[in-house]
Amino acid sequence: MRYHAGHSEATRKRLVQHAARRFRAAGLNTGIGRLMQELGLTHGGFYAHFPGKNSLIQAALQQAAEEIMERLFHAATTDPTGAFEKMVLAYLDEKHCQNPETGCLLPALATEIARQDPEVQEHFTVLLQQMLGLLQGVLHHLPAEQRGQHALVVLSTLAGSVMLARAVSDPQLKTAFLDAARSSLLRPFRTPE
């Protein structure tokens, strides 16, 4: 069977997008066979696109990171004077918390990444550094020497609060995690008017 010139590239892109969603929703233990079946593809066809699962994980992490950075960048650029506040509110939104499959990879996968092969961890580290760079850019009102440290605190608070809010069954505690993170981040790191 012959396919058009862009078929392989389009299939690879579909696979990466699907894996990025599936891994965030169900974890990195999701099997290749299941992913391919969900896309109506054969298990053997996977190897036409990737040499192994680690390569797919890295591509899926890249896809997920690009999605959240685009969303945060969009939130920040809609109102440059309140960029930091917009990013925090977008990240700590209930919709983001309730939809891990389309949300940030940090609260969804960070604990699993810690148990992956070094090359996956290295790729994750690069993506994390890109996110920190984005945050440092939004914290432009702080002295340059403070931005790195503050970006670490902000990202840890954002990801940690969403991760814990997703894990608890008590709706009030879920809301309390998100509210506490909003309050603790927006007060000290607010952009001056």
N, C-alpha and C. Protein backbone atom coordinates (compact mmCIF):
# COMPACT_ATOMS: atom_id res chain seq x y z
N MET A 1 0.84 -1.18 0.00
CA MET A 1 0.00 0.00 0.00
C MET A 1 0.89 1.24 0.00
N ARG A 2 0.62 2.17 -0.90
CA ARG A 2 1.41 3.39 -0.99
C ARG A 2 0.70 4.52 -0.24
N TYR A 3 1.52 5.32 0.44
CA TYR A 3 1.01 6.48 1.16
C TYR A 3 1.57 7.74 0.54
N HIS A 4 0.87 8.85 0.73
CA HIS A 4 1.37 10.12 0.20
C HIS A 4 2.63 10.54 0.94
N ALA A 5 3.35 11.50 0.37
CA ALA A 5 4.68 11.88 0.86
C ALA A 5 4.68 12.29 2.33
N GLY A 6 3.68 12.97 2.81
CA GLY A 6 3.66 13.45 4.19
C GLY A 6 3.00 12.51 5.18
N HIS A 7 2.60 11.32 4.72
CA HIS A 7 1.86 10.40 5.59
C HIS A 7 2.66 10.00 6.83
N SER A 8 3.91 9.63 6.64
CA SER A 8 4.74 9.19 7.76
C SER A 8 4.91 10.30 8.80
N GLU A 9 5.16 11.50 8.31
CA GLU A 9 5.34 12.64 9.22
C GLU A 9 4.05 12.95 9.96
N ALA A 10 2.93 12.89 9.27
CA ALA A 10 1.63 13.16 9.89
C ALA A 10 1.29 12.08 10.93
N THR A 11 1.61 10.83 10.62
CA THR A 11 1.35 9.74 11.56
C THR A 11 2.22 9.90 12.81
N ARG A 12 3.47 10.24 12.60
CA ARG A 12 4.39 10.46 13.74
C ARG A 12 3.87 11.59 14.63
N LYS A 13 3.44 12.66 14.02
CA LYS A 13 2.91 13.80 14.78
C LYS A 13 1.67 13.41 15.57
N ARG A 14 0.78 12.66 14.94
CA ARG A 14 -0.43 12.18 15.62
C ARG A 14 -0.07 11.29 16.81
N LEU A 15 0.91 10.43 16.61
CA LEU A 15 1.36 9.53 17.67
C LEU A 15 1.93 10.31 18.84
N VAL A 16 2.76 11.30 18.55
CA VAL A 16 3.37 12.12 19.61
C VAL A 16 2.30 12.89 20.37
N GLN A 17 1.37 13.49 19.67
CA GLN A 17 0.30 14.25 20.33
C GLN A 17 -0.56 13.35 21.20
N HIS A 18 -0.88 12.17 20.68
CA HIS A 18 -1.68 11.22 21.45
C HIS A 18 -0.92 10.73 22.68
N ALA A 19 0.35 10.40 22.50
CA ALA A 19 1.16 9.93 23.63
C ALA A 19 1.30 11.02 24.69
N ALA A 20 1.47 12.27 24.26
CA ALA A 20 1.59 13.37 25.23
C ALA A 20 0.35 13.46 26.09
N ARG A 21 -0.82 13.31 25.49
CA ARG A 21 -2.07 13.35 26.24
C ARG A 21 -2.21 12.11 27.12
N ARG A 22 -1.97 10.95 26.54
CA ARG A 22 -2.17 9.68 27.24
C ARG A 22 -1.21 9.53 28.43
N PHE A 23 0.05 9.88 28.22
CA PHE A 23 1.03 9.78 29.31
C PHE A 23 0.66 10.70 30.47
N ARG A 24 0.21 11.92 30.15
CA ARG A 24 -0.19 12.84 31.23
C ARG A 24 -1.43 12.34 31.96
N ALA A 25 -2.32 11.67 31.24
CA ALA A 25 -3.55 11.18 31.86
C ALA A 25 -3.35 9.87 32.61
N ALA A 26 -2.57 8.95 32.04
CA ALA A 26 -2.49 7.59 32.59
C ALA A 26 -1.10 7.17 33.04
N GLY A 27 -0.10 7.97 32.74
CA GLY A 27 1.26 7.63 33.19
C GLY A 27 2.11 7.02 32.09
N LEU A 28 3.40 6.97 32.37
CA LEU A 28 4.38 6.51 31.39
C LEU A 28 4.38 4.99 31.19
N ASN A 29 3.67 4.26 32.03
CA ASN A 29 3.60 2.81 31.86
C ASN A 29 2.63 2.39 30.76
N THR A 30 1.94 3.36 30.18
CA THR A 30 1.03 3.06 29.07
C THR A 30 1.83 2.37 27.97
N GLY A 31 1.36 1.23 27.53
CA GLY A 31 2.10 0.43 26.56
C GLY A 31 2.01 0.96 25.14
N ILE A 32 3.04 0.66 24.37
CA ILE A 32 3.10 1.05 22.96
C ILE A 32 1.93 0.43 22.19
N GLY A 33 1.66 -0.86 22.45
CA GLY A 33 0.57 -1.54 21.76
C GLY A 33 -0.75 -0.84 21.96
N ARG A 34 -1.00 -0.40 23.19
CA ARG A 34 -2.26 0.29 23.48
C ARG A 34 -2.32 1.63 22.76
N LEU A 35 -1.23 2.39 22.81
CA LEU A 35 -1.19 3.68 22.11
C LEU A 35 -1.49 3.52 20.62
N MET A 36 -0.81 2.55 20.02
CA MET A 36 -0.98 2.33 18.58
C MET A 36 -2.40 1.88 18.27
N GLN A 37 -2.93 0.99 19.09
CA GLN A 37 -4.30 0.50 18.88
C GLN A 37 -5.30 1.64 18.97
N GLU A 38 -5.12 2.53 19.93
CA GLU A 38 -6.03 3.67 20.08
C GLU A 38 -6.01 4.58 18.85
N LEU A 39 -4.91 4.57 18.13
CA LEU A 39 -4.80 5.37 16.91
C LEU A 39 -5.17 4.59 15.65
N GLY A 40 -5.52 3.31 15.83
CA GLY A 40 -5.86 2.47 14.69
C GLY A 40 -4.64 2.04 13.89
N LEU A 41 -3.50 1.95 14.57
CA LEU A 41 -2.24 1.57 13.93
C LEU A 41 -1.74 0.25 14.52
N THR A 42 -0.80 -0.37 13.82
CA THR A 42 -0.25 -1.64 14.31
C THR A 42 0.92 -1.38 15.25
N HIS A 43 1.12 -2.31 16.17
CA HIS A 43 2.24 -2.22 17.10
C HIS A 43 3.56 -2.16 16.34
N GLY A 44 3.71 -2.98 15.34
CA GLY A 44 4.95 -3.00 14.55
C GLY A 44 5.22 -1.70 13.83
N GLY A 45 4.17 -0.98 13.48
CA GLY A 45 4.32 0.30 12.79
C GLY A 45 4.99 1.37 13.64
N PHE A 46 4.96 1.18 14.95
CA PHE A 46 5.60 2.13 15.86
C PHE A 46 7.08 2.32 15.52
N TYR A 47 7.75 1.23 15.17
CA TYR A 47 9.20 1.26 14.96
C TYR A 47 9.60 1.94 13.66
N ALA A 48 8.63 2.29 12.83
CA ALA A 48 8.92 3.11 11.65
C ALA A 48 9.11 4.57 12.06
N HIS A 49 8.68 4.90 13.27
CA HIS A 49 8.74 6.28 13.74
C HIS A 49 9.73 6.50 14.88
N PHE A 50 9.91 5.49 15.72
CA PHE A 50 10.78 5.62 16.90
C PHE A 50 11.56 4.33 17.11
N PRO A 51 12.82 4.44 17.56
CA PRO A 51 13.61 3.24 17.83
C PRO A 51 13.18 2.50 19.10
N GLY A 52 12.49 3.21 20.00
CA GLY A 52 12.04 2.59 21.24
C GLY A 52 11.15 3.55 22.03
N LYS A 53 10.63 3.06 23.13
CA LYS A 53 9.67 3.85 23.92
C LYS A 53 10.31 5.11 24.49
N ASN A 54 11.58 5.04 24.91
CA ASN A 54 12.21 6.24 25.47
C ASN A 54 12.20 7.40 24.49
N SER A 55 12.39 7.10 23.22
CA SER A 55 12.35 8.16 22.20
C SER A 55 10.96 8.78 22.10
N LEU A 56 9.93 7.94 22.19
CA LEU A 56 8.56 8.46 22.17
C LEU A 56 8.30 9.28 23.43
N ILE A 57 8.75 8.81 24.57
CA ILE A 57 8.54 9.57 25.82
C ILE A 57 9.16 10.95 25.69
N GLN A 58 10.38 11.02 25.17
CA GLN A 58 11.05 12.31 25.02
C GLN A 58 10.27 13.23 24.08
N ALA A 59 9.79 12.69 22.97
CA ALA A 59 9.00 13.49 22.02
C ALA A 59 7.69 13.94 22.66
N ALA A 60 7.06 13.07 23.43
CA ALA A 60 5.80 13.41 24.09
C ALA A 60 6.02 14.47 25.17
N LEU A 61 7.12 14.37 25.90
CA LEU A 61 7.44 15.39 26.90
C LEU A 61 7.64 16.74 26.23
N GLN A 62 8.35 16.73 25.10
CA GLN A 62 8.58 17.97 24.34
C GLN A 62 7.24 18.58 23.91
N GLN A 63 6.35 17.74 23.40
CA GLN A 63 5.02 18.20 22.96
C GLN A 63 4.26 18.81 24.14
N ALA A 64 4.25 18.12 25.27
CA ALA A 64 3.52 18.59 26.45
C ALA A 64 4.11 19.90 26.96
N ALA A 65 5.44 20.01 26.97
CA ALA A 65 6.09 21.23 27.43
C ALA A 65 5.77 22.40 26.51
N GLU A 66 5.79 22.17 25.22
CA GLU A 66 5.47 23.23 24.27
C GLU A 66 4.04 23.71 24.45
N GLU A 67 3.13 22.78 24.71
CA GLU A 67 1.73 23.15 24.91
C GLU A 67 1.56 24.06 26.12
N ILE A 68 2.16 23.68 27.25
CA ILE A 68 1.97 24.49 28.46
C ILE A 68 2.72 25.82 28.34
N MET A 69 3.90 25.82 27.73
CA MET A 69 4.63 27.08 27.59
C MET A 69 3.89 28.02 26.65
N GLU A 70 3.29 27.48 25.61
CA GLU A 70 2.50 28.31 24.70
C GLU A 70 1.30 28.89 25.43
N ARG A 71 0.64 28.07 26.25
CA ARG A 71 -0.52 28.54 26.99
C ARG A 71 -0.12 29.63 27.99
N LEU A 72 0.98 29.40 28.71
CA LEU A 72 1.43 30.39 29.68
C LEU A 72 1.93 31.66 28.99
N PHE A 73 2.65 31.48 27.88
CA PHE A 73 3.14 32.64 27.15
C PHE A 73 1.96 33.46 26.62
N HIS A 74 0.95 32.77 26.12
CA HIS A 74 -0.24 33.46 25.63
C HIS A 74 -0.91 34.22 26.77
N ALA A 75 -1.02 33.58 27.92
CA ALA A 75 -1.62 34.25 29.08
C ALA A 75 -0.81 35.48 29.46
N ALA A 76 0.51 35.36 29.41
CA ALA A 76 1.39 36.46 29.80
C ALA A 76 1.34 37.61 28.80
N THR A 77 1.20 37.31 27.53
CA THR A 77 1.25 38.37 26.53
C THR A 77 -0.09 39.04 26.30
N THR A 78 -1.17 38.49 26.84
CA THR A 78 -2.46 39.16 26.68
C THR A 78 -2.51 40.46 27.47
N ASP A 79 -1.70 40.55 28.52
CA ASP A 79 -1.63 41.77 29.34
C ASP A 79 -0.21 41.86 29.88
N PRO A 80 0.74 42.44 29.12
CA PRO A 80 2.13 42.47 29.55
C PRO A 80 2.36 43.11 30.91
N THR A 81 1.49 44.07 31.31
CA THR A 81 1.71 44.70 32.61
C THR A 81 1.36 43.75 33.76
N GLY A 82 0.50 42.80 33.51
CA GLY A 82 0.13 41.83 34.54
C GLY A 82 0.51 40.42 34.13
N ALA A 83 1.63 40.28 33.42
CA ALA A 83 2.02 38.99 32.83
C ALA A 83 2.16 37.90 33.89
N PHE A 84 2.82 38.20 34.98
CA PHE A 84 3.03 37.18 36.00
C PHE A 84 1.71 36.71 36.58
N GLU A 85 0.84 37.66 36.91
CA GLU A 85 -0.46 37.30 37.48
C GLU A 85 -1.27 36.45 36.51
N LYS A 86 -1.23 36.80 35.23
CA LYS A 86 -1.96 36.03 34.21
C LYS A 86 -1.44 34.60 34.14
N MET A 87 -0.13 34.43 34.20
CA MET A 87 0.45 33.09 34.14
C MET A 87 0.03 32.26 35.35
N VAL A 88 0.11 32.86 36.52
CA VAL A 88 -0.26 32.15 37.75
C VAL A 88 -1.72 31.74 37.71
N LEU A 89 -2.58 32.66 37.33
CA LEU A 89 -4.01 32.36 37.30
C LEU A 89 -4.34 31.31 36.23
N ALA A 90 -3.65 31.35 35.10
CA ALA A 90 -3.88 30.34 34.06
C ALA A 90 -3.45 28.97 34.53
N TYR A 91 -2.32 28.90 35.22
CA TYR A 91 -1.79 27.61 35.68
C TYR A 91 -2.67 27.04 36.80
N LEU A 92 -3.12 27.88 37.71
CA LEU A 92 -3.88 27.42 38.87
C LEU A 92 -5.39 27.40 38.62
N ASP A 93 -5.77 27.47 37.38
CA ASP A 93 -7.17 27.41 36.99
C ASP A 93 -7.74 26.01 37.27
N GLU A 94 -8.99 25.96 37.69
CA GLU A 94 -9.66 24.68 37.96
C GLU A 94 -9.64 23.76 36.74
N LYS A 95 -9.84 24.33 35.57
CA LYS A 95 -9.85 23.52 34.35
C LYS A 95 -8.50 22.83 34.14
N HIS A 96 -7.42 23.55 34.39
CA HIS A 96 -6.09 22.94 34.27
C HIS A 96 -5.94 21.82 35.28
N CYS A 97 -6.41 22.06 36.48
CA CYS A 97 -6.29 21.06 37.54
C CYS A 97 -7.10 19.80 37.22
N GLN A 98 -8.26 19.97 36.64
CA GLN A 98 -9.15 18.84 36.38
C GLN A 98 -8.86 18.09 35.09
N ASN A 99 -7.94 18.59 34.27
CA ASN A 99 -7.65 17.97 32.98
C ASN A 99 -6.16 17.72 32.79
N PRO A 100 -5.61 16.74 33.50
CA PRO A 100 -4.17 16.49 33.40
C PRO A 100 -3.72 16.14 31.98
N GLU A 101 -4.60 15.54 31.19
CA GLU A 101 -4.21 15.11 29.84
C GLU A 101 -3.85 16.28 28.93
N THR A 102 -4.33 17.48 29.25
CA THR A 102 -4.00 18.66 28.46
C THR A 102 -3.19 19.68 29.26
N GLY A 103 -2.83 19.31 30.47
CA GLY A 103 -2.14 20.25 31.35
C GLY A 103 -0.63 20.11 31.34
N CYS A 104 -0.04 20.72 32.32
CA CYS A 104 1.41 20.75 32.46
C CYS A 104 1.95 19.36 32.77
N LEU A 105 3.07 19.03 32.17
CA LEU A 105 3.68 17.73 32.40
C LEU A 105 4.28 17.60 33.80
N LEU A 106 4.60 18.70 34.47
CA LEU A 106 5.26 18.61 35.77
C LEU A 106 4.41 17.91 36.83
N PRO A 107 3.19 18.39 37.13
CA PRO A 107 2.41 17.69 38.14
C PRO A 107 1.95 16.31 37.69
N ALA A 108 1.86 16.10 36.39
CA ALA A 108 1.38 14.82 35.87
C ALA A 108 2.47 13.75 35.86
N LEU A 109 3.72 14.14 35.60
CA LEU A 109 4.74 13.12 35.32
C LEU A 109 6.05 13.25 36.08
N ALA A 110 6.28 14.31 36.83
CA ALA A 110 7.59 14.51 37.45
C ALA A 110 8.02 13.34 38.34
N THR A 111 7.10 12.78 39.11
CA THR A 111 7.49 11.68 39.99
C THR A 111 7.86 10.44 39.18
N GLU A 112 7.24 10.25 38.03
CA GLU A 112 7.58 9.11 37.17
C GLU A 112 8.91 9.34 36.44
N ILE A 113 9.18 10.58 36.06
CA ILE A 113 10.43 10.89 35.36
C ILE A 113 11.62 10.53 36.25
N ALA A 114 11.47 10.70 37.54
CA ALA A 114 12.55 10.39 38.48
C ALA A 114 12.97 8.92 38.41
N ARG A 115 12.10 8.06 37.88
CA ARG A 115 12.41 6.63 37.79
C ARG A 115 12.73 6.18 36.36
N GLN A 116 12.89 7.13 35.45
CA GLN A 116 13.17 6.80 34.06
C GLN A 116 14.68 6.74 33.80
N ASP A 117 15.02 6.30 32.61
CA ASP A 117 16.43 6.23 32.20
C ASP A 117 17.04 7.63 32.17
N PRO A 118 18.37 7.71 32.32
CA PRO A 118 19.05 9.01 32.35
C PRO A 118 18.76 9.89 31.14
N GLU A 119 18.64 9.31 29.95
CA GLU A 119 18.40 10.17 28.78
C GLU A 119 17.03 10.83 28.84
N VAL A 120 16.03 10.14 29.42
CA VAL A 120 14.72 10.75 29.59
C VAL A 120 14.80 11.86 30.64
N GLN A 121 15.52 11.59 31.73
CA GLN A 121 15.69 12.60 32.77
C GLN A 121 16.43 13.83 32.24
N GLU A 122 17.43 13.61 31.40
CA GLU A 122 18.18 14.73 30.82
C GLU A 122 17.28 15.58 29.93
N HIS A 123 16.46 14.92 29.13
CA HIS A 123 15.54 15.65 28.25
C HIS A 123 14.55 16.45 29.10
N PHE A 124 14.02 15.83 30.13
CA PHE A 124 13.10 16.51 31.04
C PHE A 124 13.77 17.73 31.67
N THR A 125 15.03 17.59 32.05
CA THR A 125 15.78 18.69 32.67
C THR A 125 15.87 19.88 31.73
N VAL A 126 16.14 19.62 30.47
CA VAL A 126 16.22 20.69 29.47
C VAL A 126 14.87 21.40 29.36
N LEU A 127 13.78 20.64 29.32
CA LEU A 127 12.45 21.24 29.23
C LEU A 127 12.12 22.05 30.48
N LEU A 128 12.49 21.54 31.63
CA LEU A 128 12.27 22.25 32.90
C LEU A 128 13.04 23.57 32.90
N GLN A 129 14.26 23.54 32.41
CA GLN A 129 15.05 24.77 32.35
C GLN A 129 14.42 25.79 31.40
N GLN A 130 13.80 25.32 30.33
CA GLN A 130 13.09 26.23 29.42
C GLN A 130 11.91 26.89 30.13
N MET A 131 11.18 26.10 30.93
CA MET A 131 10.06 26.65 31.68
C MET A 131 10.55 27.69 32.69
N LEU A 132 11.65 27.38 33.35
CA LEU A 132 12.21 28.32 34.31
C LEU A 132 12.64 29.61 33.61
N GLY A 133 13.20 29.48 32.41
CA GLY A 133 13.58 30.66 31.63
C GLY A 133 12.38 31.52 31.29
N LEU A 134 11.28 30.88 30.92
CA LEU A 134 10.04 31.62 30.62
C LEU A 134 9.59 32.39 31.86
N LEU A 135 9.62 31.73 33.01
CA LEU A 135 9.22 32.40 34.25
C LEU A 135 10.16 33.55 34.60
N GLN A 136 11.45 33.35 34.42
CA GLN A 136 12.41 34.42 34.71
C GLN A 136 12.12 35.64 33.86
N GLY A 137 11.73 35.41 32.60
CA GLY A 137 11.40 36.52 31.72
C GLY A 137 10.20 37.31 32.19
N VAL A 138 9.25 36.62 32.80
CA VAL A 138 8.04 37.28 33.29
C VAL A 138 8.31 37.99 34.62
N LEU A 139 9.36 37.57 35.31
CA LEU A 139 9.74 38.21 36.58
C LEU A 139 10.74 39.34 36.33
N HIS A 140 10.64 39.99 35.20
CA HIS A 140 11.59 41.02 34.77
C HIS A 140 11.65 42.21 35.73
N HIS A 141 10.63 42.42 36.54
CA HIS A 141 10.62 43.54 37.48
C HIS A 141 11.51 43.29 38.69
N LEU A 142 11.95 42.04 38.88
CA LEU A 142 12.85 41.73 39.99
C LEU A 142 14.30 41.96 39.55
N PRO A 143 15.20 42.20 40.51
CA PRO A 143 16.62 42.29 40.15
C PRO A 143 17.07 40.99 39.48
N ALA A 144 17.94 41.10 38.48
CA ALA A 144 18.38 39.94 37.69
C ALA A 144 18.90 38.80 38.56
N GLU A 145 19.63 39.13 39.61
CA GLU A 145 20.22 38.08 40.45
C GLU A 145 19.18 37.32 41.28
N GLN A 146 17.96 37.84 41.37
CA GLN A 146 16.91 37.17 42.15
C GLN A 146 15.96 36.34 41.28
N ARG A 147 15.96 36.58 40.00
CA ARG A 147 14.97 35.94 39.12
C ARG A 147 15.06 34.42 39.10
N GLY A 148 16.28 33.89 39.05
CA GLY A 148 16.44 32.44 39.00
C GLY A 148 15.88 31.75 40.23
N GLN A 149 16.22 32.27 41.40
CA GLN A 149 15.74 31.70 42.66
C GLN A 149 14.22 31.80 42.76
N HIS A 150 13.68 32.95 42.40
CA HIS A 150 12.23 33.14 42.46
C HIS A 150 11.51 32.24 41.46
N ALA A 151 12.08 32.06 40.29
CA ALA A 151 11.46 31.18 39.29
C ALA A 151 11.37 29.75 39.82
N LEU A 152 12.40 29.30 40.54
CA LEU A 152 12.37 27.96 41.14
C LEU A 152 11.24 27.84 42.15
N VAL A 153 11.09 28.86 42.99
CA VAL A 153 10.03 28.84 44.00
C VAL A 153 8.65 28.86 43.34
N VAL A 154 8.50 29.72 42.34
CA VAL A 154 7.21 29.84 41.66
C VAL A 154 6.83 28.53 40.98
N LEU A 155 7.76 27.95 40.21
CA LEU A 155 7.44 26.72 39.49
C LEU A 155 7.16 25.57 40.45
N SER A 156 7.93 25.48 41.52
CA SER A 156 7.69 24.43 42.53
C SER A 156 6.32 24.58 43.16
N THR A 157 5.94 25.81 43.46
CA THR A 157 4.64 26.06 44.08
C THR A 157 3.50 25.75 43.11
N LEU A 158 3.64 26.19 41.87
CA LEU A 158 2.61 25.92 40.87
C LEU A 158 2.41 24.42 40.67
N ALA A 159 3.49 23.72 40.34
CA ALA A 159 3.39 22.30 40.03
C ALA A 159 2.97 21.49 41.26
N GLY A 160 3.55 21.82 42.40
CA GLY A 160 3.23 21.07 43.63
C GLY A 160 1.79 21.22 44.04
N SER A 161 1.26 22.43 43.95
CA SER A 161 -0.13 22.64 44.37
C SER A 161 -1.11 21.93 43.44
N VAL A 162 -0.83 21.95 42.13
CA VAL A 162 -1.71 21.25 41.19
C VAL A 162 -1.61 19.74 41.40
N MET A 163 -0.40 19.24 41.61
CA MET A 163 -0.22 17.80 41.83
C MET A 163 -1.01 17.35 43.07
N LEU A 164 -0.90 18.09 44.16
CA LEU A 164 -1.61 17.71 45.39
C LEU A 164 -3.12 17.91 45.25
N ALA A 165 -3.54 18.98 44.59
CA ALA A 165 -4.97 19.20 44.38
C ALA A 165 -5.59 18.06 43.57
N ARG A 166 -4.84 17.55 42.60
CA ARG A 166 -5.35 16.44 41.78
C ARG A 166 -5.42 15.14 42.59
N ALA A 167 -4.58 15.01 43.59
CA ALA A 167 -4.47 13.75 44.31
C ALA A 167 -5.51 13.57 45.41
N VAL A 168 -6.07 14.65 45.91
CA VAL A 168 -6.98 14.53 47.05
C VAL A 168 -8.43 14.35 46.59
N SER A 169 -9.22 13.67 47.43
CA SER A 169 -10.63 13.44 47.10
C SER A 169 -11.54 14.52 47.67
N ASP A 170 -11.07 15.26 48.66
CA ASP A 170 -11.86 16.28 49.32
C ASP A 170 -11.88 17.56 48.47
N PRO A 171 -13.04 17.96 47.92
CA PRO A 171 -13.11 19.16 47.06
C PRO A 171 -12.64 20.44 47.77
N GLN A 172 -12.92 20.53 49.08
CA GLN A 172 -12.51 21.73 49.81
C GLN A 172 -10.99 21.80 49.93
N LEU A 173 -10.35 20.66 50.17
CA LEU A 173 -8.90 20.63 50.27
C LEU A 173 -8.27 20.92 48.91
N LYS A 174 -8.88 20.38 47.87
CA LYS A 174 -8.42 20.64 46.49
C LYS A 174 -8.40 22.15 46.23
N THR A 175 -9.51 22.81 46.54
CA THR A 175 -9.62 24.25 46.35
C THR A 175 -8.64 24.99 47.25
N ALA A 176 -8.45 24.50 48.46
CA ALA A 176 -7.53 25.15 49.40
C ALA A 176 -6.10 25.15 48.87
N PHE A 177 -5.67 24.04 48.25
CA PHE A 177 -4.33 23.99 47.68
C PHE A 177 -4.15 25.07 46.60
N LEU A 178 -5.12 25.17 45.71
CA LEU A 178 -5.03 26.14 44.62
C LEU A 178 -5.12 27.58 45.15
N ASP A 179 -6.02 27.81 46.08
CA ASP A 179 -6.16 29.16 46.66
C ASP A 179 -4.90 29.58 47.41
N ALA A 180 -4.33 28.66 48.18
CA ALA A 180 -3.12 28.98 48.94
C ALA A 180 -1.96 29.31 48.00
N ALA A 181 -1.85 28.56 46.92
CA ALA A 181 -0.78 28.82 45.95
C ALA A 181 -0.98 30.18 45.30
N ARG A 182 -2.21 30.50 44.90
CA ARG A 182 -2.49 31.81 44.30
C ARG A 182 -2.10 32.93 45.26
N SER A 183 -2.56 32.79 46.49
CA SER A 183 -2.30 33.82 47.48
C SER A 183 -0.80 33.98 47.76
N SER A 184 -0.12 32.87 47.93
CA SER A 184 1.31 32.95 48.28
C SER A 184 2.16 33.45 47.13
N LEU A 185 1.73 33.22 45.89
CA LEU A 185 2.51 33.68 44.74
C LEU A 185 2.16 35.10 44.33
N LEU A 186 0.91 35.45 44.37
CA LEU A 186 0.51 36.76 43.86
C LEU A 186 0.88 37.90 44.79
N ARG A 187 0.96 37.64 46.07
CA ARG A 187 1.32 38.71 47.00
C ARG A 187 2.79 39.13 46.85
N PRO A 188 3.76 38.24 47.08
CA PRO A 188 5.16 38.70 47.06
C PRO A 188 5.75 38.92 45.68
N PHE A 189 5.22 38.25 44.65
CA PHE A 189 5.83 38.34 43.33
C PHE A 189 5.06 39.23 42.37
N ARG A 190 4.05 39.94 42.88
CA ARG A 190 3.21 40.77 42.01
C ARG A 190 4.04 41.81 41.27
N THR A 191 3.70 41.99 40.00
CA THR A 191 4.36 43.03 39.20
C THR A 191 3.91 44.39 39.69
N PRO A 192 4.85 45.30 39.97
CA PRO A 192 4.43 46.64 40.43
C PRO A 192 3.66 47.38 39.32
N GLU A 193 2.69 48.15 39.75
CA GLU A 193 1.87 48.91 38.76
C GLU A 193 2.66 50.10 38.26
